[in-house]
Amino acid sequence: MMQTRTKPPSLVLYGRTWCHLCDDMHAALAPLAAAAGARIEVIDVDSDPAFQALYDELVPVLLCDGVELCHYHLDEARVRAALGLGV
């Protein structure tokens, strides 16, 4: 049985301002987020020592509703599933 969302998914992208992989993931994620009606919150891990400690060498890291979906590169199939977009 498929669940219906009552609110848009919450996407958080942890990265760095100078990271090309972060830019690539954000660009690939943007159309998927738009299709799902989701907003992407981008957090610079260097802005907070706690975020830096958690995600330092893993960026970019994408979370959806608090669940880590992927890091380094966008896992489109996993993101589509999390956003309810199908394959």
C-alpha atoms as a PDB file:
ATOM      1  CA  MET A   1       0.000   0.000   0.000  1.00  0.00           C
ATOM      2  CA  MET A   2       1.449   3.359  -1.058  1.00  0.00           C
ATOM      3  CA  GLN A   3       1.429   6.182   1.479  1.00  0.00           C
ATOM      4  CA  THR A   4       0.297   9.639   0.442  1.00  0.00           C
ATOM      5  CA  ARG A   5       2.417  12.530   1.679  1.00  0.00           C
ATOM      6  CA  THR A   6       0.653  15.274   3.580  1.00  0.00           C
ATOM      7  CA  LYS A   7       3.565  17.685   3.201  1.00  0.00           C
ATOM      8  CA  PRO A   8       6.463  18.051   0.774  1.00  0.00           C
ATOM      9  CA  PRO A   9       9.616  16.082   1.593  1.00  0.00           C
ATOM     10  CA  SER A  10      12.387  17.909   3.412  1.00  0.00           C
ATOM     11  CA  LEU A  11      15.665  17.807   1.479  1.00  0.00           C
ATOM     12  CA  VAL A  12      18.926  18.872   3.085  1.00  0.00           C
ATOM     13  CA  LEU A  13      22.119  19.013   1.061  1.00  0.00           C
ATOM     14  CA  TYR A  14      25.301  19.279   3.116  1.00  0.00           C
ATOM     15  CA  GLY A  15      28.256  20.564   1.146  1.00  0.00           C
ATOM     16  CA  ARG A  16      30.870  23.244   0.672  1.00  0.00           C
ATOM     17  CA  THR A  17      30.777  26.433  -1.367  1.00  0.00           C
ATOM     18  CA  TRP A  18      33.928  25.499  -3.310  1.00  0.00           C
ATOM     19  CA  CYS A  19      32.989  21.843  -3.955  1.00  0.00           C
ATOM     20  CA  HIS A  20      32.268  20.941  -7.598  1.00  0.00           C
ATOM     21  CA  LEU A  21      30.657  17.638  -6.581  1.00  0.00           C
ATOM     22  CA  CYS A  22      28.289  19.632  -4.354  1.00  0.00           C
ATOM     23  CA  ASP A  23      27.401  21.900  -7.267  1.00  0.00           C
ATOM     24  CA  ASP A  24      26.847  18.863  -9.502  1.00  0.00           C
ATOM     25  CA  MET A  25      24.567  17.157  -6.973  1.00  0.00           C
ATOM     26  CA  HIS A  26      22.543  20.327  -6.425  1.00  0.00           C
ATOM     27  CA  ALA A  27      22.073  20.792 -10.187  1.00  0.00           C
ATOM     28  CA  ALA A  28      20.963  17.165 -10.662  1.00  0.00           C
ATOM     29  CA  LEU A  29      18.677  17.326  -7.618  1.00  0.00           C
ATOM     30  CA  ALA A  30      16.911  20.589  -8.490  1.00  0.00           C
ATOM     31  CA  PRO A  31      14.540  19.224 -11.176  1.00  0.00           C
ATOM     32  CA  LEU A  32      13.628  16.213  -9.014  1.00  0.00           C
ATOM     33  CA  ALA A  33      12.899  18.464  -6.045  1.00  0.00           C
ATOM     34  CA  ALA A  34      10.780  20.745  -8.224  1.00  0.00           C
ATOM     35  CA  ALA A  35       8.787  17.779  -9.552  1.00  0.00           C
ATOM     36  CA  ALA A  36       8.081  16.658  -5.971  1.00  0.00           C
ATOM     37  CA  GLY A  37       7.301  20.158  -4.717  1.00  0.00           C
ATOM     38  CA  ALA A  38      10.241  19.978  -2.322  1.00  0.00           C
ATOM     39  CA  ARG A  39      12.577  22.743  -1.260  1.00  0.00           C
ATOM     40  CA  ILE A  40      16.314  22.070  -0.979  1.00  0.00           C
ATOM     41  CA  GLU A  41      18.020  23.447   2.107  1.00  0.00           C
ATOM     42  CA  VAL A  42      21.751  23.789   1.419  1.00  0.00           C
ATOM     43  CA  ILE A  43      24.032  23.774   4.454  1.00  0.00           C
ATOM     44  CA  ASP A  44      27.745  24.585   4.277  1.00  0.00           C
ATOM     45  CA  VAL A  45      29.462  22.060   6.534  1.00  0.00           C
ATOM     46  CA  ASP A  46      32.241  24.563   7.186  1.00  0.00           C
ATOM     47  CA  SER A  47      29.719  26.884   8.889  1.00  0.00           C
ATOM     48  CA  ASP A  48      29.392  24.622  11.927  1.00  0.00           C
ATOM     49  CA  PRO A  49      32.016  22.390  13.588  1.00  0.00           C
ATOM     50  CA  ALA A  50      29.372  19.731  14.325  1.00  0.00           C
ATOM     51  CA  PHE A  51      28.401  19.466  10.641  1.00  0.00           C
ATOM     52  CA  GLN A  52      32.069  19.447   9.657  1.00  0.00           C
ATOM     53  CA  ALA A  53      32.740  16.609  12.082  1.00  0.00           C
ATOM     54  CA  LEU A  54      29.818  14.566  10.712  1.00  0.00           C
ATOM     55  CA  TYR A  55      30.204  15.117   6.984  1.00  0.00           C
ATOM     56  CA  ASP A  56      33.714  16.491   6.372  1.00  0.00           C
ATOM     57  CA  GLU A  57      35.050  14.098   3.735  1.00  0.00           C
ATOM     58  CA  LEU A  58      31.649  12.761   2.619  1.00  0.00           C
ATOM     59  CA  VAL A  59      30.244  15.925   1.011  1.00  0.00           C
ATOM     60  CA  PRO A  60      28.008  16.324  -0.709  1.00  0.00           C
ATOM     61  CA  VAL A  61      25.570  14.435   1.517  1.00  0.00           C
ATOM     62  CA  LEU A  62      21.837  14.422   0.755  1.00  0.00           C
ATOM     63  CA  LEU A  63      19.184  13.736   3.377  1.00  0.00           C
ATOM     64  CA  CYS A  64      15.453  13.403   2.799  1.00  0.00           C
ATOM     65  CA  ASP A  65      13.286  13.736   5.889  1.00  0.00           C
ATOM     66  CA  GLY A  66      16.380  13.043   8.010  1.00  0.00           C
ATOM     67  CA  VAL A  67      17.419   9.876   6.153  1.00  0.00           C
ATOM     68  CA  GLU A  68      20.738   9.905   4.285  1.00  0.00           C
ATOM     69  CA  LEU A  69      20.100   8.996   0.660  1.00  0.00           C
ATOM     70  CA  CYS A  70      23.523   9.416  -0.901  1.00  0.00           C
ATOM     71  CA  HIS A  71      26.874  11.132  -0.775  1.00  0.00           C
ATOM     72  CA  TYR A  72      29.499  12.111  -3.365  1.00  0.00           C
ATOM     73  CA  HIS A  73      27.087  11.557  -6.299  1.00  0.00           C
ATOM     74  CA  LEU A  74      23.311  11.670  -6.669  1.00  0.00           C
ATOM     75  CA  ASP A  75      21.651   8.266  -6.486  1.00  0.00           C
ATOM     76  CA  GLU A  76      18.754   9.225  -8.749  1.00  0.00           C
ATOM     77  CA  ALA A  77      16.777   6.011  -8.262  1.00  0.00           C
ATOM     78  CA  ARG A  78      16.951   6.293  -4.474  1.00  0.00           C
ATOM     79  CA  VAL A  79      16.043  10.001  -4.557  1.00  0.00           C
ATOM     80  CA  ARG A  80      13.103   9.377  -6.899  1.00  0.00           C
ATOM     81  CA  ALA A  81      11.824   6.663  -4.587  1.00  0.00           C
ATOM     82  CA  ALA A  82      12.182   8.868  -1.511  1.00  0.00           C
ATOM     83  CA  LEU A  83      10.363  11.714  -3.254  1.00  0.00           C
ATOM     84  CA  GLY A  84       7.592   9.433  -4.501  1.00  0.00           C
ATOM     85  CA  LEU A  85       8.405  10.151  -8.136  1.00  0.00           C
ATOM     86  CA  GLY A  86       8.763   6.591  -9.377  1.00  0.00           C
ATOM     87  CA  VAL A  87      11.511   5.494 -11.723  1.00  0.00           C
END
